[in-house]
Amino acid sequence: MDEVVVGIDLGTSKVSCVMATRGEDGRLVVVGLGKAKSEGVRGGVIVNIRAAVKAVQEAIEAVEKSGYEVKEAVVGLAGGSVEGLNSRGVVAVSGQKEIRADDVDRVLEAAKAVLIPLDREILHVLPQEYIVDDARKIKNPVEMMGIRLEAEVHVVTATIAVSRNLVQAMNGAGLGVQEIVLNSLAASLAVLSKEEKEVGVLLLDIGAGTTSAVLFFEGAPHFSKVYSFGSERVTKDIAQVLQLPDEEAERIKVKYGCTWGEGLVDDGEVIIRGVGSRPPYTLRRSQIARIIQARMEEILAMVAKDAAKTGLLPQLGAGIVFTGGGSHLEGLPELARSVFGKPGRMGVPMGISGLEESWQRPEYSAAVGLALWGEHRLPYPEIEDGELGIPRKTVSRGSSRRSKNDALAKFWDFFKKNFI
């Protein structure tokens, strides 16, 4: 049976699982999908291990109906005070002054030697550019000649306890964890093009309990952060203002909600169901929009304030891309233009074949992206050189003996394909 890669997005409202393998043409194809209602997760953080384990098991049972067994997965992280920072490392080139993989390894180690609190750990070290002596904007310095090698990187950190609990939940469900990946970075693989990342784009993944932001420029991340609130906060606002149960507030948000009241075309009446002895009554959509817009504007303004510190917001040629379940809210592109001064669009998962139409929605972008993130773990089919227009690669199944140069080359293939 073909080798597979599995991406699991354990969110506040649902668990999504995407299983994929490499097709005969060398590209990723979906072979299994599973989802379940999430339990034990609040604000992207596991608060009840047993409940989370049960939810993951339900999603895995669904995906294993494909006939494949799930043993390990690439798992997304969307909570735990995730923050990114930009750093730089410098090393002297060793040997004959020809830059080798070991030199790149050393400069990345130097770049990630940043002071972080004891309760945090480094999740990702993502190169932005290399500098060889005085030559800048180098994407791959291997085999270049030089004396000094510098690396500018984006370092993503998260609280240790949150990632440990995530591993605990997966292990409890009988799964090994191949890698923990920031959800918004994974989603970027599914919804953003290489060109968008190059000219500059801000991705906002709005989930039920979190809002994740990552800003790309010249192909690499320059800002990332996870905020511990999402579209669930909008539901709470509606429930509080209109004095409704959360379930009714959620129904109103999904069916009639709008984040940009100024552009509302249909300002029809909405019947609000009665609670207890209180009879039903009606409201205009514009009245509901005012509640939603106030909260969403606050969230976007908070992201804009933080992202503006990079100095790159005016240069975002591809504007703002929304994904996640919260991106369904009507009027978000218009609100984005108001807050950021840039156009916005909804991002849906792409770049993978065999994805059912019902899964081609923004709420599944992270799960699809996690499978794409793990693509480099799969072997390529045995083909003749140049047959697919991609370099021939061979990966021995189950082999653990790989040279450092091969491992770095493999990372660079993945990184160049998706971030450069």
Protein backbone atom coordinates (compact mmCIF):
# COMPACT_ATOMS: atom_id res chain seq x y z
CA MET A 1 0.00 0.00 0.00
CA ASP A 2 1.24 3.50 -0.83
CA GLU A 3 2.79 5.64 1.87
CA VAL A 4 0.57 8.43 3.13
CA VAL A 5 0.89 11.72 4.95
CA VAL A 6 -1.80 12.87 7.38
CA GLY A 7 -2.56 16.42 8.48
CA ILE A 8 -4.66 17.01 11.61
CA ASP A 9 -6.14 20.36 12.57
CA LEU A 10 -7.40 20.16 16.17
CA GLY A 11 -9.45 23.33 16.46
CA THR A 12 -11.85 24.83 18.97
CA SER A 13 -14.98 23.79 17.09
CA LYS A 14 -13.89 20.78 15.02
CA VAL A 15 -11.14 18.27 14.26
CA SER A 16 -10.27 17.99 10.56
CA CYS A 17 -8.07 15.25 9.14
CA VAL A 18 -6.70 15.02 5.59
CA MET A 19 -4.84 11.95 4.34
CA ALA A 20 -2.91 12.10 1.07
CA THR A 21 -0.42 10.12 -0.97
CA ARG A 22 1.70 10.85 -3.99
CA GLY A 23 -0.05 10.06 -7.24
CA GLU A 24 1.48 8.51 -10.34
CA ASP A 25 2.17 11.99 -11.71
CA GLY A 26 4.24 12.82 -8.62
CA ARG A 27 1.71 15.22 -7.15
CA LEU A 28 -0.28 14.96 -3.91
CA VAL A 29 -3.73 13.37 -4.04
CA VAL A 30 -6.29 13.00 -1.22
CA VAL A 31 -7.17 9.43 -0.27
CA GLY A 32 -9.08 10.03 2.96
CA LEU A 33 -10.97 12.72 4.85
CA GLY A 34 -12.34 12.78 8.38
CA LYS A 35 -13.83 15.27 10.77
CA ALA A 36 -15.48 15.35 14.16
CA LYS A 37 -16.86 17.88 16.59
CA SER A 38 -14.04 19.15 18.77
CA GLU A 39 -14.20 18.79 22.53
CA GLY A 40 -11.74 19.81 25.19
CA VAL A 41 -10.22 22.71 23.22
CA ARG A 42 -10.69 26.39 24.04
CA GLY A 43 -8.97 29.25 22.25
CA GLY A 44 -6.85 26.76 20.32
CA VAL A 45 -5.52 25.28 23.58
CA ILE A 46 -6.33 21.82 24.95
CA VAL A 47 -8.09 22.14 28.29
CA ASN A 48 -9.34 18.54 28.58
CA ILE A 49 -6.99 15.81 27.30
CA ARG A 50 -9.53 12.98 27.43
CA ALA A 51 -12.15 14.92 25.52
CA ALA A 52 -9.59 15.97 22.91
CA VAL A 53 -8.39 12.37 22.52
CA LYS A 54 -11.94 11.18 21.89
CA ALA A 55 -12.52 13.87 19.24
CA VAL A 56 -9.28 12.99 17.45
CA GLN A 57 -10.15 9.29 17.52
CA GLU A 58 -13.53 10.00 15.90
CA ALA A 59 -11.88 11.96 13.09
CA ILE A 60 -9.27 9.22 12.60
CA GLU A 61 -11.95 6.51 12.45
CA ALA A 62 -13.63 8.47 9.67
CA VAL A 63 -10.44 8.90 7.64
CA GLU A 64 -9.45 5.24 8.05
CA LYS A 65 -12.58 4.22 6.15
CA SER A 66 -10.37 4.83 3.12
CA GLY A 67 -8.59 1.57 3.94
CA TYR A 68 -5.39 3.21 5.13
CA GLU A 69 -4.23 3.05 8.74
CA VAL A 70 -3.18 6.27 10.44
CA LYS A 71 -0.08 5.83 12.61
CA GLU A 72 1.39 9.33 12.69
CA ALA A 73 0.52 12.83 11.56
CA VAL A 74 1.64 16.38 10.97
CA VAL A 75 -0.33 18.32 13.58
CA GLY A 76 -1.36 21.96 13.56
CA LEU A 77 -0.98 24.36 16.48
CA ALA A 78 -3.15 27.47 16.69
CA GLY A 79 -2.97 28.55 20.31
CA GLY A 80 -0.54 28.91 23.16
CA SER A 81 0.52 32.51 22.73
CA VAL A 82 2.28 31.80 19.45
CA GLU A 83 4.49 34.70 18.40
CA GLY A 84 7.10 35.29 15.75
CA LEU A 85 10.22 37.44 15.81
CA ASN A 86 12.88 38.31 13.25
CA SER A 87 16.49 37.44 13.99
CA ARG A 88 19.92 37.39 12.36
CA GLY A 89 22.89 35.03 12.61
CA VAL A 90 26.49 35.44 11.39
CA VAL A 91 29.25 32.84 10.96
CA ALA A 92 32.63 32.64 9.25
CA VAL A 93 32.67 30.27 6.28
CA SER A 94 34.76 27.19 7.05
CA GLY A 95 37.08 25.18 4.85
CA GLN A 96 38.04 26.48 1.41
CA LYS A 97 35.56 29.38 1.68
CA GLU A 98 33.01 27.51 -0.43
CA ILE A 99 29.74 27.57 1.48
CA ARG A 100 28.50 24.10 2.36
CA ALA A 101 25.40 22.73 4.00
CA ASP A 102 27.22 22.65 7.35
CA ASP A 103 27.80 26.40 7.12
CA VAL A 104 24.11 27.01 6.47
CA ASP A 105 23.30 24.76 9.41
CA ARG A 106 25.61 26.77 11.66
CA VAL A 107 24.27 30.17 10.61
CA LEU A 108 20.68 29.04 11.20
CA GLU A 109 21.70 27.80 14.65
CA ALA A 110 23.26 31.20 15.31
CA ALA A 111 20.14 32.99 14.10
CA LYS A 112 17.85 31.06 16.41
CA ALA A 113 20.00 31.73 19.47
CA VAL A 114 17.53 34.32 20.71
CA LEU A 115 16.46 34.95 24.28
CA ILE A 116 13.02 33.50 24.92
CA PRO A 117 11.24 32.83 28.23
CA LEU A 118 11.86 29.44 29.85
CA ASP A 119 8.25 28.38 29.27
CA ARG A 120 8.53 28.82 25.49
CA GLU A 121 10.17 26.84 22.69
CA ILE A 122 11.08 27.43 19.06
CA LEU A 123 8.58 25.95 16.63
CA HIS A 124 10.04 27.13 13.30
CA VAL A 125 13.13 28.88 11.98
CA LEU A 126 12.25 30.20 8.51
CA PRO A 127 14.97 31.82 6.37
CA GLN A 128 14.13 35.17 4.80
CA GLU A 129 17.43 35.76 3.03
CA TYR A 130 21.13 34.99 3.22
CA ILE A 131 23.95 37.49 2.91
CA VAL A 132 27.33 36.34 1.59
CA ASP A 133 29.90 39.02 2.42
CA ASP A 134 28.14 42.08 0.94
CA ALA A 135 25.80 40.25 -1.46
CA ARG A 136 22.20 40.32 -0.18
CA LYS A 137 18.89 38.65 -1.04
CA ILE A 138 20.43 35.23 -1.61
CA LYS A 139 17.96 32.38 -1.24
CA ASN A 140 20.36 29.42 -1.34
CA PRO A 141 24.03 30.16 -0.61
CA VAL A 142 25.32 26.58 -0.93
CA GLU A 143 28.38 26.31 -3.25
CA MET A 144 28.86 30.09 -3.32
CA MET A 145 32.27 31.46 -2.40
CA GLY A 146 32.60 33.81 0.54
CA ILE A 147 34.18 34.61 3.88
CA ARG A 148 31.17 35.64 5.98
CA LEU A 149 27.68 34.11 5.88
CA GLU A 150 24.68 35.82 7.45
CA ALA A 151 21.07 34.66 7.70
CA GLU A 152 17.98 36.73 8.36
CA VAL A 153 15.22 34.49 9.66
CA HIS A 154 11.74 34.50 11.13
CA VAL A 155 11.56 32.52 14.37
CA VAL A 156 8.19 31.21 15.57
CA THR A 157 7.84 30.37 19.27
CA ALA A 158 5.06 28.81 21.36
CA THR A 159 4.52 27.87 24.98
CA ILE A 160 5.99 24.46 25.80
CA ALA A 161 2.97 23.23 27.76
CA VAL A 162 0.60 23.79 24.85
CA SER A 163 2.66 21.79 22.37
CA ARG A 164 3.28 19.04 24.95
CA ASN A 165 -0.44 18.70 25.59
CA LEU A 166 -1.00 18.51 21.84
CA VAL A 167 1.46 15.62 21.61
CA GLN A 168 -0.17 14.01 24.65
CA ALA A 169 -3.59 14.13 22.99
CA MET A 170 -2.27 12.62 19.75
CA ASN A 171 -0.41 9.88 21.60
CA GLY A 172 -3.56 9.18 23.60
CA ALA A 173 -5.39 8.66 20.31
CA GLY A 174 -2.71 6.19 19.24
CA LEU A 175 -0.83 8.54 16.93
CA GLY A 176 2.77 9.61 16.67
CA VAL A 177 3.52 13.26 15.92
CA GLN A 178 5.87 13.79 12.98
CA GLU A 179 5.90 17.55 13.34
CA ILE A 180 3.98 20.39 14.99
CA VAL A 181 3.29 23.21 12.55
CA LEU A 182 1.82 26.66 13.05
CA ASN A 183 -1.66 26.42 11.53
CA SER A 184 -1.49 29.69 9.61
CA LEU A 185 1.81 28.67 7.99
CA ALA A 186 0.24 25.38 6.95
CA ALA A 187 -2.85 27.17 5.63
CA SER A 188 -0.62 29.44 3.57
CA LEU A 189 0.51 26.39 1.57
CA ALA A 190 -3.10 25.64 0.67
CA VAL A 191 -4.46 29.11 -0.12
CA LEU A 192 -1.59 31.38 -1.22
CA SER A 193 0.32 31.34 -4.49
CA LYS A 194 4.07 31.73 -4.71
CA GLU A 195 3.50 35.05 -6.49
CA GLU A 196 1.31 36.40 -3.67
CA LYS A 197 3.99 35.57 -1.11
CA GLU A 198 6.58 37.27 -3.28
CA VAL A 199 4.75 40.60 -3.77
CA GLY A 200 3.49 40.66 -0.18
CA VAL A 201 0.37 39.30 1.47
CA LEU A 202 -1.16 39.07 4.94
CA LEU A 203 -3.00 35.82 5.66
CA LEU A 204 -5.63 35.87 8.40
CA ASP A 205 -6.90 32.46 9.51
CA ILE A 206 -10.04 33.17 11.53
CA GLY A 207 -11.16 30.14 13.49
CA ALA A 208 -13.77 29.76 16.18
CA GLY A 209 -11.39 30.35 19.08
CA THR A 210 -8.32 31.95 17.51
CA THR A 211 -7.23 34.36 14.81
CA SER A 212 -3.84 33.58 13.29
CA ALA A 213 -1.88 36.07 11.20
CA VAL A 214 1.18 35.60 9.03
CA LEU A 215 2.68 38.22 6.72
CA PHE A 216 4.78 37.22 3.71
CA PHE A 217 7.07 39.47 1.71
CA GLU A 218 9.63 38.50 -0.92
CA GLY A 219 8.60 34.88 -0.45
CA ALA A 220 9.21 34.55 3.29
CA PRO A 221 7.35 35.19 6.57
CA HIS A 222 8.15 38.47 8.34
CA PHE A 223 5.38 38.52 10.96
CA SER A 224 3.30 35.86 12.70
CA LYS A 225 1.06 35.85 15.72
CA VAL A 226 -1.92 33.95 17.12
CA TYR A 227 -4.65 35.88 18.95
CA SER A 228 -6.76 34.01 21.49
CA PHE A 229 -10.10 35.04 20.04
CA GLY A 230 -11.98 34.32 16.83
CA SER A 231 -15.46 34.22 15.35
CA GLU A 232 -16.80 32.67 18.57
CA ARG A 233 -16.29 36.11 20.15
CA VAL A 234 -18.72 37.55 17.60
CA THR A 235 -21.27 34.91 18.57
CA LYS A 236 -20.87 35.86 22.24
CA ASP A 237 -21.42 39.53 21.38
CA ILE A 238 -24.65 38.78 19.55
CA ALA A 239 -25.82 36.57 22.41
CA GLN A 240 -25.06 39.25 24.99
CA VAL A 241 -26.53 42.23 23.14
CA LEU A 242 -29.68 40.42 22.02
CA GLN A 243 -29.92 38.27 25.18
CA LEU A 244 -29.97 34.99 23.28
CA PRO A 245 -28.57 31.50 23.80
CA ASP A 246 -25.25 30.90 22.03
CA GLU A 247 -26.87 28.45 19.60
CA GLU A 248 -29.38 31.04 18.38
CA ALA A 249 -26.70 33.73 18.21
CA GLU A 250 -24.53 31.43 16.08
CA ARG A 251 -27.45 30.73 13.74
CA ILE A 252 -28.07 34.44 13.26
CA LYS A 253 -24.38 35.14 12.67
CA VAL A 254 -23.99 32.41 10.06
CA LYS A 255 -27.26 33.03 8.21
CA TYR A 256 -27.62 36.81 8.41
CA GLY A 257 -24.27 38.17 9.61
CA CYS A 258 -22.36 40.91 7.81
CA THR A 259 -19.18 42.73 8.81
CA TRP A 260 -19.68 45.76 6.57
CA GLY A 261 -23.04 47.41 7.20
CA GLU A 262 -22.32 50.28 4.81
CA GLY A 263 -22.35 47.90 1.86
CA LEU A 264 -25.36 45.86 2.93
CA VAL A 265 -27.63 45.39 -0.10
CA ASP A 266 -30.38 43.35 1.51
CA ASP A 267 -31.42 45.03 4.76
CA GLY A 268 -34.33 42.69 5.29
CA GLU A 269 -35.97 41.77 8.56
CA VAL A 270 -34.64 38.87 10.62
CA ILE A 271 -36.93 36.92 12.93
CA ILE A 272 -35.30 36.44 16.34
CA ARG A 273 -36.66 33.37 18.09
CA GLY A 274 -38.25 33.86 21.47
CA VAL A 275 -36.57 32.71 24.67
CA GLY A 276 -38.72 31.34 27.48
CA SER A 277 -41.85 33.45 27.76
CA ARG A 278 -40.43 36.17 25.50
CA PRO A 279 -42.10 36.11 22.09
CA PRO A 280 -40.19 36.23 18.78
CA TYR A 281 -39.37 39.66 17.37
CA THR A 282 -37.71 41.15 14.29
CA LEU A 283 -34.52 43.09 13.64
CA ARG A 284 -32.99 44.57 10.51
CA ARG A 285 -29.82 42.94 9.19
CA SER A 286 -28.11 46.32 9.55
CA GLN A 287 -28.73 46.21 13.31
CA ILE A 288 -27.06 42.80 13.52
CA ALA A 289 -24.24 44.03 11.27
CA ARG A 290 -23.42 46.82 13.70
CA ILE A 291 -22.76 44.27 16.45
CA ILE A 292 -20.59 42.09 14.20
CA GLN A 293 -18.71 44.93 12.55
CA ALA A 294 -17.68 46.47 15.86
CA ARG A 295 -15.99 43.25 17.00
CA MET A 296 -14.42 42.31 13.67
CA GLU A 297 -13.11 45.83 13.18
CA GLU A 298 -11.48 45.62 16.61
CA ILE A 299 -9.84 42.29 15.74
CA LEU A 300 -8.52 43.50 12.38
CA ALA A 301 -7.27 46.76 13.88
CA MET A 302 -5.32 44.80 16.49
CA VAL A 303 -3.67 42.69 13.78
CA ALA A 304 -2.95 45.80 11.69
CA LYS A 305 -1.28 47.52 14.64
CA ASP A 306 1.04 44.56 15.25
CA ALA A 307 1.78 43.85 11.58
CA ALA A 308 2.51 47.54 10.94
CA LYS A 309 5.64 47.24 13.11
CA THR A 310 7.30 45.40 10.21
CA GLY A 311 6.91 48.49 8.01
CA LEU A 312 5.67 46.21 5.23
CA LEU A 313 1.89 46.82 5.27
CA PRO A 314 2.01 49.52 2.53
CA GLN A 315 3.93 47.10 0.30
CA LEU A 316 1.45 44.21 0.38
CA GLY A 317 0.80 43.88 -3.34
CA ALA A 318 -1.55 40.92 -2.86
CA GLY A 319 -3.47 42.53 0.01
CA ILE A 320 -5.27 40.51 2.68
CA VAL A 321 -6.39 36.88 2.33
CA PHE A 322 -8.93 35.47 4.78
CA THR A 323 -9.33 31.79 5.51
CA GLY A 324 -10.75 29.64 8.31
CA GLY A 325 -14.42 29.25 9.20
CA GLY A 326 -14.77 32.88 10.27
CA SER A 327 -13.88 34.08 6.78
CA HIS A 328 -17.40 33.22 5.59
CA LEU A 329 -18.71 36.42 7.17
CA GLU A 330 -20.07 38.68 4.47
CA GLY A 331 -18.27 41.98 3.93
CA LEU A 332 -14.80 40.98 5.20
CA PRO A 333 -12.99 42.15 2.03
CA GLU A 334 -14.61 45.59 2.35
CA LEU A 335 -13.76 45.78 6.05
CA ALA A 336 -10.17 44.81 5.22
CA ARG A 337 -9.88 47.70 2.77
CA SER A 338 -11.23 50.05 5.44
CA VAL A 339 -8.79 48.86 8.14
CA PHE A 340 -5.67 47.98 6.14
CA GLY A 341 -6.16 50.11 3.05
CA LYS A 342 -5.66 46.95 0.99
CA PRO A 343 -8.03 44.67 -0.96
CA GLY A 344 -9.13 41.38 0.57
CA ARG A 345 -10.31 38.01 -0.67
CA MET A 346 -11.38 34.64 0.70
CA GLY A 347 -8.83 31.84 0.43
CA VAL A 348 -9.89 28.24 -0.18
CA PRO A 349 -7.63 25.17 -0.26
CA MET A 350 -5.94 24.31 -3.54
CA GLY A 351 -2.76 22.62 -4.73
CA ILE A 352 -3.99 19.11 -3.98
CA SER A 353 -6.11 16.82 -6.15
CA GLY A 354 -8.99 14.59 -5.10
CA LEU A 355 -10.37 17.02 -2.51
CA GLU A 356 -14.13 16.63 -2.21
CA GLU A 357 -16.15 19.72 -3.11
CA SER A 358 -17.56 19.93 0.42
CA TRP A 359 -13.98 20.28 1.70
CA GLN A 360 -13.02 23.02 -0.75
CA ARG A 361 -13.90 25.58 1.88
CA PRO A 362 -11.79 27.96 3.99
CA GLU A 363 -12.44 26.10 7.25
CA TYR A 364 -10.40 23.16 5.91
CA SER A 365 -7.43 25.19 4.65
CA ALA A 366 -5.22 24.37 7.65
CA ALA A 367 -5.87 20.60 7.48
CA VAL A 368 -5.11 20.53 3.75
CA GLY A 369 -2.04 22.69 4.34
CA LEU A 370 -0.77 20.33 7.03
CA ALA A 371 -0.92 17.45 4.54
CA LEU A 372 0.92 19.63 2.00
CA TRP A 373 3.50 20.48 4.67
CA GLY A 374 4.23 16.79 5.11
CA GLU A 375 4.46 16.12 1.37
CA HIS A 376 8.27 16.09 1.42
CA ARG A 377 8.11 12.96 3.59
CA LEU A 378 6.65 10.91 0.72
CA PRO A 379 8.77 9.14 -1.92
CA TYR A 380 8.46 10.11 -5.57
CA PRO A 381 7.41 7.48 -8.11
CA GLU A 382 10.14 5.84 -10.16
CA ILE A 383 10.11 7.86 -13.39
CA GLU A 384 12.51 8.85 -16.10
CA ASP A 385 14.39 12.11 -15.68
CA GLY A 386 12.35 15.08 -16.85
CA GLU A 387 9.17 13.04 -17.47
CA LEU A 388 7.10 15.19 -15.10
CA GLY A 389 9.02 18.42 -15.48
CA ILE A 390 10.34 18.05 -11.91
CA PRO A 391 13.71 16.84 -10.67
CA ARG A 392 13.92 13.10 -10.12
CA LYS A 393 14.11 12.29 -6.43
CA THR A 394 14.57 8.97 -4.70
CA VAL A 395 13.74 8.43 -1.06
CA SER A 396 14.39 5.00 0.41
CA ARG A 397 11.42 3.75 2.39
CA GLY A 398 12.15 3.42 6.08
CA SER A 399 15.78 4.46 5.69
CA SER A 400 17.11 6.55 8.54
CA ARG A 401 20.63 7.08 7.11
CA ARG A 402 20.71 10.36 5.24
CA SER A 403 23.59 12.77 4.97
CA LYS A 404 23.20 16.27 6.36
CA ASN A 405 23.60 17.66 2.83
CA ASP A 406 20.75 15.47 1.56
CA ALA A 407 18.52 16.51 4.45
CA LEU A 408 19.26 20.18 3.86
CA ALA A 409 18.69 19.82 0.11
CA LYS A 410 15.35 18.20 0.83
CA PHE A 411 14.37 21.05 3.14
CA TRP A 412 15.40 23.58 0.51
CA ASP A 413 13.33 21.83 -2.18
CA PHE A 414 10.30 22.11 0.10
CA PHE A 415 11.05 25.68 1.20
CA LYS A 416 11.76 26.99 -2.30
CA LYS A 417 8.60 25.40 -3.66
CA ASN A 418 6.36 26.97 -1.04
CA PHE A 419 8.00 30.08 0.41
CA ILE A 420 10.40 31.48 -2.19
